[in-house]
């Protein structure tokens, strides 16, 4: 269900400045702002910690090395 909300002109101008493109809706801008303030889930925190561990253990590959191995000219 869609609805209309009332905002001040100042807030409208602030939302306009936060748009990444002219086609981006105000709903998308608001969702992005909400997402920025949300706490990371426990699963995401676990995934980040695992990724950090893999980096420390050297279980990563440089993009340049991958391109060479796959013979990509990107």
PDB file of N, CA and C in Angstrom:
ATOM      1  N   UNK A   1       0.843  -1.175   0.000  1.00  0.00           N
ATOM      2  CA  UNK A   1       0.000   0.000   0.000  1.00  0.00           C
ATOM      3  C   UNK A   1       0.892   1.243   0.000  1.00  0.00           C
ATOM      4  N   UNK A   2       0.639   2.139  -0.871  1.00  0.00           N
ATOM      5  CA  UNK A   2       1.403   3.375  -0.945  1.00  0.00           C
ATOM      6  C   UNK A   2       0.685   4.466  -0.170  1.00  0.00           C
ATOM      7  N   UNK A   3       1.445   5.413   0.316  1.00  0.00           N
ATOM      8  CA  UNK A   3       0.870   6.526   1.057  1.00  0.00           C
ATOM      9  C   UNK A   3       1.688   7.779   0.783  1.00  0.00           C
ATOM     10  N   UNK A   4       1.180   8.882   1.192  1.00  0.00           N
ATOM     11  CA  UNK A   4       1.869  10.154   1.038  1.00  0.00           C
ATOM     12  C   UNK A   4       2.288  10.630   2.417  1.00  0.00           C
ATOM     13  N   UNK A   5       3.494  11.200   2.518  1.00  0.00           N
ATOM     14  CA  UNK A   5       3.928  11.774   3.783  1.00  0.00           C
ATOM     15  C   UNK A   5       4.209  13.248   3.585  1.00  0.00           C
ATOM     16  N   UNK A   6       4.090  13.990   4.666  1.00  0.00           N
ATOM     17  CA  UNK A   6       4.328  15.417   4.600  1.00  0.00           C
ATOM     18  C   UNK A   6       5.686  15.710   5.233  1.00  0.00           C
ATOM     19  N   UNK A   7       6.524  16.467   4.514  1.00  0.00           N
ATOM     20  CA  UNK A   7       7.836  16.860   5.035  1.00  0.00           C
ATOM     21  C   UNK A   7       8.018  18.359   4.812  1.00  0.00           C
ATOM     22  N   UNK A   8       8.879  18.925   5.613  1.00  0.00           N
ATOM     23  CA  UNK A   8       9.157  20.354   5.464  1.00  0.00           C
ATOM     24  C   UNK A   8       9.977  20.591   4.200  1.00  0.00           C
ATOM     25  N   UNK A   9      10.019  21.830   3.766  1.00  0.00           N
ATOM     26  CA  UNK A   9      10.824  22.177   2.587  1.00  0.00           C
ATOM     27  C   UNK A   9      12.306  21.915   2.858  1.00  0.00           C
ATOM     28  N   UNK A  10      12.743  22.182   4.084  1.00  0.00           N
ATOM     29  CA  UNK A  10      14.149  21.933   4.430  1.00  0.00           C
ATOM     30  C   UNK A  10      14.495  20.456   4.285  1.00  0.00           C
ATOM     31  N   UNK A  11      13.622  19.582   4.789  1.00  0.00           N
ATOM     32  CA  UNK A  11      13.869  18.147   4.673  1.00  0.00           C
ATOM     33  C   UNK A  11      13.833  17.716   3.218  1.00  0.00           C
ATOM     34  N   UNK A  12      12.908  18.254   2.451  1.00  0.00           N
ATOM     35  CA  UNK A  12      12.830  17.929   1.027  1.00  0.00           C
ATOM     36  C   UNK A  12      14.136  18.290   0.321  1.00  0.00           C
ATOM     37  N   UNK A  13      14.674  19.448   0.616  1.00  0.00           N
ATOM     38  CA  UNK A  13      15.934  19.864  -0.001  1.00  0.00           C
ATOM     39  C   UNK A  13      17.082  18.953   0.415  1.00  0.00           C
ATOM     40  N   UNK A  14      17.084  18.544   1.677  1.00  0.00           N
ATOM     41  CA  UNK A  14      18.115  17.624   2.155  1.00  0.00           C
ATOM     42  C   UNK A  14      18.008  16.284   1.444  1.00  0.00           C
ATOM     43  N   UNK A  15      16.791  15.775   1.283  1.00  0.00           N
ATOM     44  CA  UNK A  15      16.589  14.506   0.576  1.00  0.00           C
ATOM     45  C   UNK A  15      17.025  14.620  -0.888  1.00  0.00           C
ATOM     46  N   UNK A  16      16.737  15.738  -1.498  1.00  0.00           N
ATOM     47  CA  UNK A  16      17.146  15.944  -2.897  1.00  0.00           C
ATOM     48  C   UNK A  16      18.662  15.863  -3.025  1.00  0.00           C
ATOM     49  N   UNK A  17      19.385  16.441  -2.069  1.00  0.00           N
ATOM     50  CA  UNK A  17      20.844  16.432  -2.109  1.00  0.00           C
ATOM     51  C   UNK A  17      21.413  15.035  -1.928  1.00  0.00           C
ATOM     52  N   UNK A  18      20.665  14.155  -1.278  1.00  0.00           N
ATOM     53  CA  UNK A  18      21.143  12.794  -1.026  1.00  0.00           C
ATOM     54  C   UNK A  18      20.863  11.840  -2.180  1.00  0.00           C
ATOM     55  N   UNK A  19      20.099  12.282  -3.163  1.00  0.00           N
ATOM     56  CA  UNK A  19      19.810  11.424  -4.317  1.00  0.00           C
ATOM     57  C   UNK A  19      21.087  11.151  -5.094  1.00  0.00           C
ATOM     58  N   UNK A  20      21.284   9.887  -5.477  1.00  0.00           N
ATOM     59  CA  UNK A  20      22.446   9.515  -6.275  1.00  0.00           C
ATOM     60  C   UNK A  20      22.216   9.840  -7.752  1.00  0.00           C
ATOM     61  N   UNK A  21      20.955   9.870  -8.154  1.00  0.00           N
ATOM     62  CA  UNK A  21      20.606  10.215  -9.531  1.00  0.00           C
ATOM     63  C   UNK A  21      19.219  10.842  -9.537  1.00  0.00           C
ATOM     64  N   UNK A  22      18.893  11.486 -10.614  1.00  0.00           N
ATOM     65  CA  UNK A  22      17.582  12.115 -10.733  1.00  0.00           C
ATOM     66  C   UNK A  22      16.457  11.084 -10.672  1.00  0.00           C
ATOM     67  N   UNK A  23      16.738   9.873 -11.151  1.00  0.00           N
ATOM     68  CA  UNK A  23      15.709   8.828 -11.206  1.00  0.00           C
ATOM     69  C   UNK A  23      15.479   8.136  -9.873  1.00  0.00           C
ATOM     70  N   UNK A  24      16.405   8.340  -8.917  1.00  0.00           N
ATOM     71  CA  UNK A  24      16.254   7.696  -7.620  1.00  0.00           C
ATOM     72  C   UNK A  24      15.048   8.291  -6.888  1.00  0.00           C
ATOM     73  N   UNK A  25      14.225   7.425  -6.328  1.00  0.00           N
ATOM     74  CA  UNK A  25      13.032   7.892  -5.622  1.00  0.00           C
ATOM     75  C   UNK A  25      13.375   8.318  -4.204  1.00  0.00           C
ATOM     76  N   UNK A  26      12.504   9.109  -3.603  1.00  0.00           N
ATOM     77  CA  UNK A  26      12.714   9.502  -2.214  1.00  0.00           C
ATOM     78  C   UNK A  26      12.611   8.283  -1.301  1.00  0.00           C
ATOM     79  N   UNK A  27      11.820   7.324  -1.670  1.00  0.00           N
ATOM     80  CA  UNK A  27      11.733   6.095  -0.877  1.00  0.00           C
ATOM     81  C   UNK A  27      13.098   5.409  -0.830  1.00  0.00           C
ATOM     82  N   UNK A  28      13.769   5.328  -1.964  1.00  0.00           N
ATOM     83  CA  UNK A  28      15.098   4.709  -2.000  1.00  0.00           C
ATOM     84  C   UNK A  28      16.087   5.482  -1.125  1.00  0.00           C
ATOM     85  N   UNK A  29      16.009   6.802  -1.166  1.00  0.00           N
ATOM     86  CA  UNK A  29      16.888   7.629  -0.340  1.00  0.00           C
ATOM     87  C   UNK A  29      16.636   7.343   1.135  1.00  0.00           C
ATOM     88  N   UNK A  30      15.367   7.279   1.517  1.00  0.00           N
ATOM     89  CA  UNK A  30      15.015   7.026   2.918  1.00  0.00           C
ATOM     90  C   UNK A  30      15.453   5.636   3.348  1.00  0.00           C
ATOM     91  N   UNK A  31      15.243   4.623   2.504  1.00  0.00           N
ATOM     92  CA  UNK A  31      15.691   3.266   2.839  1.00  0.00           C
ATOM     93  C   UNK A  31      17.198   3.223   3.018  1.00  0.00           C
ATOM     94  N   UNK A  32      17.940   3.931   2.177  1.00  0.00           N
ATOM     95  CA  UNK A  32      19.402   3.978   2.314  1.00  0.00           C
ATOM     96  C   UNK A  32      19.795   4.580   3.656  1.00  0.00           C
ATOM     97  N   UNK A  33      19.087   5.626   4.071  1.00  0.00           N
ATOM     98  CA  UNK A  33      19.376   6.258   5.358  1.00  0.00           C
ATOM     99  C   UNK A  33      19.067   5.307   6.509  1.00  0.00           C
ATOM    100  N   UNK A  34      17.974   4.583   6.404  1.00  0.00           N
ATOM    101  CA  UNK A  34      17.607   3.622   7.446  1.00  0.00           C
ATOM    102  C   UNK A  34      18.646   2.512   7.512  1.00  0.00           C
ATOM    103  N   UNK A  35      19.049   2.017   6.366  1.00  0.00           N
ATOM    104  CA  UNK A  35      20.036   0.940   6.317  1.00  0.00           C
ATOM    105  C   UNK A  35      21.353   1.372   6.960  1.00  0.00           C
ATOM    106  N   UNK A  36      21.735   2.623   6.743  1.00  0.00           N
ATOM    107  CA  UNK A  36      22.983   3.138   7.306  1.00  0.00           C
ATOM    108  C   UNK A  36      22.977   3.145   8.831  1.00  0.00           C
ATOM    109  N   UNK A  37      21.800   3.188   9.427  1.00  0.00           N
ATOM    110  CA  UNK A  37      21.718   3.264  10.884  1.00  0.00           C
ATOM    111  C   UNK A  37      21.443   1.914  11.532  1.00  0.00           C
ATOM    112  N   UNK A  38      21.228   0.885  10.732  1.00  0.00           N
ATOM    113  CA  UNK A  38      20.893  -0.424  11.278  1.00  0.00           C
ATOM    114  C   UNK A  38      22.136  -1.139  11.791  1.00  0.00           C
ATOM    115  N   UNK A  39      21.958  -1.908  12.816  1.00  0.00           N
ATOM    116  CA  UNK A  39      23.024  -2.726  13.383  1.00  0.00           C
ATOM    117  C   UNK A  39      23.307  -3.888  12.440  1.00  0.00           C
ATOM    118  N   UNK A  40      24.570  -4.270  12.331  1.00  0.00           N
ATOM    119  CA  UNK A  40      24.924  -5.434  11.526  1.00  0.00           C
ATOM    120  C   UNK A  40      24.364  -6.687  12.197  1.00  0.00           C
ATOM    121  N   UNK A  41      23.871  -7.603  11.404  1.00  0.00           N
ATOM    122  CA  UNK A  41      23.366  -8.859  11.958  1.00  0.00           C
ATOM    123  C   UNK A  41      24.525  -9.690  12.502  1.00  0.00           C
ATOM    124  N   UNK A  42      24.214 -10.628  13.378  1.00  0.00           N
ATOM    125  CA  UNK A  42      25.248 -11.496  13.934  1.00  0.00           C
ATOM    126  C   UNK A  42      25.924 -12.307  12.830  1.00  0.00           C
ATOM    127  N   UNK A  43      25.145 -12.726  11.839  1.00  0.00           N
ATOM    128  CA  UNK A  43      25.710 -13.490  10.715  1.00  0.00           C
ATOM    129  C   UNK A  43      26.714 -12.640   9.942  1.00  0.00           C
ATOM    130  N   UNK A  44      26.365 -11.389   9.696  1.00  0.00           N
ATOM    131  CA  UNK A  44      27.273 -10.493   8.978  1.00  0.00           C
ATOM    132  C   UNK A  44      28.542 -10.252   9.782  1.00  0.00           C
ATOM    133  N   UNK A  45      28.405 -10.051  11.086  1.00  0.00           N
ATOM    134  CA  UNK A  45      29.575  -9.863  11.939  1.00  0.00           C
ATOM    135  C   UNK A  45      30.478 -11.090  11.886  1.00  0.00           C
ATOM    136  N   UNK A  46      29.874 -12.276  11.892  1.00  0.00           N
ATOM    137  CA  UNK A  46      30.641 -13.524  11.825  1.00  0.00           C
ATOM    138  C   UNK A  46      31.370 -13.628  10.485  1.00  0.00           C
ATOM    139  N   UNK A  47      30.670 -13.272   9.391  1.00  0.00           N
ATOM    140  CA  UNK A  47      31.277 -13.316   8.058  1.00  0.00           C
ATOM    141  C   UNK A  47      32.453 -12.340   7.946  1.00  0.00           C
ATOM    142  N   UNK A  48      32.313 -11.164   8.518  1.00  0.00           N
ATOM    143  CA  UNK A  48      33.392 -10.175   8.487  1.00  0.00           C
ATOM    144  C   UNK A  48      34.601 -10.694   9.258  1.00  0.00           C
ATOM    145  N   UNK A  49      34.352 -11.273  10.425  1.00  0.00           N
ATOM    146  CA  UNK A  49      35.452 -11.811  11.229  1.00  0.00           C
ATOM    147  C   UNK A  49      36.156 -12.954  10.499  1.00  0.00           C
ATOM    148  N   UNK A  50      35.395 -13.806   9.828  1.00  0.00           N
ATOM    149  CA  UNK A  50      35.972 -14.912   9.053  1.00  0.00           C
ATOM    150  C   UNK A  50      36.826 -14.369   7.905  1.00  0.00           C
ATOM    151  N   UNK A  51      36.333 -13.340   7.233  1.00  0.00           N
ATOM    152  CA  UNK A  51      37.084 -12.730   6.128  1.00  0.00           C
ATOM    153  C   UNK A  51      38.389 -12.128   6.640  1.00  0.00           C
ATOM    154  N   UNK A  52      38.351 -11.465   7.780  1.00  0.00           N
ATOM    155  CA  UNK A  52      39.574 -10.896   8.362  1.00  0.00           C
ATOM    156  C   UNK A  52      40.581 -11.995   8.676  1.00  0.00           C
ATOM    157  N   UNK A  53      40.088 -13.099   9.211  1.00  0.00           N
ATOM    158  CA  UNK A  53      40.951 -14.233   9.540  1.00  0.00           C
ATOM    159  C   UNK A  53      41.614 -14.773   8.268  1.00  0.00           C
ATOM    160  N   UNK A  54      40.836 -14.904   7.186  1.00  0.00           N
ATOM    161  CA  UNK A  54      41.372 -15.409   5.923  1.00  0.00           C
ATOM    162  C   UNK A  54      42.440 -14.476   5.365  1.00  0.00           C
ATOM    163  N   UNK A  55      42.239 -13.182   5.507  1.00  0.00           N
ATOM    164  CA  UNK A  55      43.235 -12.218   5.030  1.00  0.00           C
ATOM    165  C   UNK A  55      44.525 -12.380   5.822  1.00  0.00           C
ATOM    166  N   UNK A  56      44.408 -12.479   7.139  1.00  0.00           N
ATOM    167  CA  UNK A  56      45.596 -12.647   7.984  1.00  0.00           C
ATOM    168  C   UNK A  56      46.344 -13.937   7.648  1.00  0.00           C
ATOM    169  N   UNK A  57      45.601 -14.973   7.267  1.00  0.00           N
ATOM    170  CA  UNK A  57      46.208 -16.263   6.938  1.00  0.00           C
ATOM    171  C   UNK A  57      46.709 -16.314   5.493  1.00  0.00           C
ATOM    172  N   UNK A  58      46.514 -15.231   4.756  1.00  0.00           N
ATOM    173  CA  UNK A  58      46.993 -15.180   3.379  1.00  0.00           C
ATOM    174  C   UNK A  58      46.127 -15.947   2.393  1.00  0.00           C
ATOM    175  N   UNK A  59      44.895 -16.201   2.756  1.00  0.00           N
ATOM    176  CA  UNK A  59      43.989 -16.954   1.878  1.00  0.00           C
ATOM    177  C   UNK A  59      43.238 -16.021   0.924  1.00  0.00           C
ATOM    178  N   UNK A  60      43.960 -15.082   0.355  1.00  0.00           N
ATOM    179  CA  UNK A  60      43.368 -14.140  -0.595  1.00  0.00           C
ATOM    180  C   UNK A  60      44.219 -14.105  -1.848  1.00  0.00           C
ATOM    181  N   UNK A  61      43.654 -13.613  -2.928  1.00  0.00           N
ATOM    182  CA  UNK A  61      44.361 -13.518  -4.198  1.00  0.00           C
ATOM    183  C   UNK A  61      44.241 -12.092  -4.722  1.00  0.00           C
ATOM    184  N   UNK A  62      45.325 -11.573  -5.240  1.00  0.00           N
ATOM    185  CA  UNK A  62      45.307 -10.240  -5.822  1.00  0.00           C
ATOM    186  C   UNK A  62      44.579 -10.283  -7.161  1.00  0.00           C
ATOM    187  N   UNK A  63      43.827  -9.236  -7.427  1.00  0.00           N
ATOM    188  CA  UNK A  63      43.062  -9.143  -8.675  1.00  0.00           C
ATOM    189  C   UNK A  63      43.995  -9.246  -9.887  1.00  0.00           C
ATOM    190  N   UNK A  64      45.139  -8.621  -9.826  1.00  0.00           N
ATOM    191  CA  UNK A  64      46.092  -8.671 -10.940  1.00  0.00           C
ATOM    192  C   UNK A  64      46.532 -10.104 -11.219  1.00  0.00           C
ATOM    193  N   UNK A  65      46.768 -10.885 -10.145  1.00  0.00           N
ATOM    194  CA  UNK A  65      47.179 -12.280 -10.325  1.00  0.00           C
ATOM    195  C   UNK A  65      46.063 -13.118 -10.939  1.00  0.00           C
ATOM    196  N   UNK A  66      44.852 -12.873 -10.526  1.00  0.00           N
ATOM    197  CA  UNK A  66      43.702 -13.613 -11.067  1.00  0.00           C
ATOM    198  C   UNK A  66      43.537 -13.312 -12.557  1.00  0.00           C
ATOM    199  N   UNK A  67      43.668 -12.021 -12.925  1.00  0.00           N
ATOM    200  CA  UNK A  67      43.544 -11.655 -14.339  1.00  0.00           C
ATOM    201  C   UNK A  67      44.609 -12.352 -15.167  1.00  0.00           C
ATOM    202  N   UNK A  68      45.841 -12.397 -14.675  1.00  0.00           N
ATOM    203  CA  UNK A  68      46.921 -13.069 -15.401  1.00  0.00           C
ATOM    204  C   UNK A  68      46.636 -14.557 -15.543  1.00  0.00           C
ATOM    205  N   UNK A  69      46.195 -15.176 -14.453  1.00  0.00           N
ATOM    206  CA  UNK A  69      45.920 -16.615 -14.474  1.00  0.00           C
ATOM    207  C   UNK A  69      44.812 -16.961 -15.453  1.00  0.00           C
ATOM    208  N   UNK A  70      43.797 -16.108 -15.515  1.00  0.00           N
ATOM    209  CA  UNK A  70      42.661 -16.351 -16.418  1.00  0.00           C
ATOM    210  C   UNK A  70      42.868 -15.744 -17.796  1.00  0.00           C
ATOM    211  N   UNK A  71      44.026 -15.113 -17.978  1.00  0.00           N
ATOM    212  CA  UNK A  71      44.368 -14.462 -19.251  1.00  0.00           C
ATOM    213  C   UNK A  71      43.313 -13.422 -19.671  1.00  0.00           C
ATOM    214  N   UNK A  72      42.939 -12.601 -18.695  1.00  0.00           N
ATOM    215  CA  UNK A  72      41.974 -11.519 -18.951  1.00  0.00           C
ATOM    216  C   UNK A  72      42.730 -10.226 -19.203  1.00  0.00           C
ATOM    217  N   UNK A  73      42.293  -9.474 -20.170  1.00  0.00           N
ATOM    218  CA  UNK A  73      42.899  -8.189 -20.472  1.00  0.00           C
ATOM    219  C   UNK A  73      41.942  -7.081 -20.083  1.00  0.00           C
ATOM    220  N   UNK A  74      41.562  -7.076 -18.822  1.00  0.00           N
ATOM    221  CA  UNK A  74      40.588  -6.085 -18.328  1.00  0.00           C
ATOM    222  C   UNK A  74      41.300  -4.909 -17.753  1.00  0.00           C
TER     223      UNK A  74
END
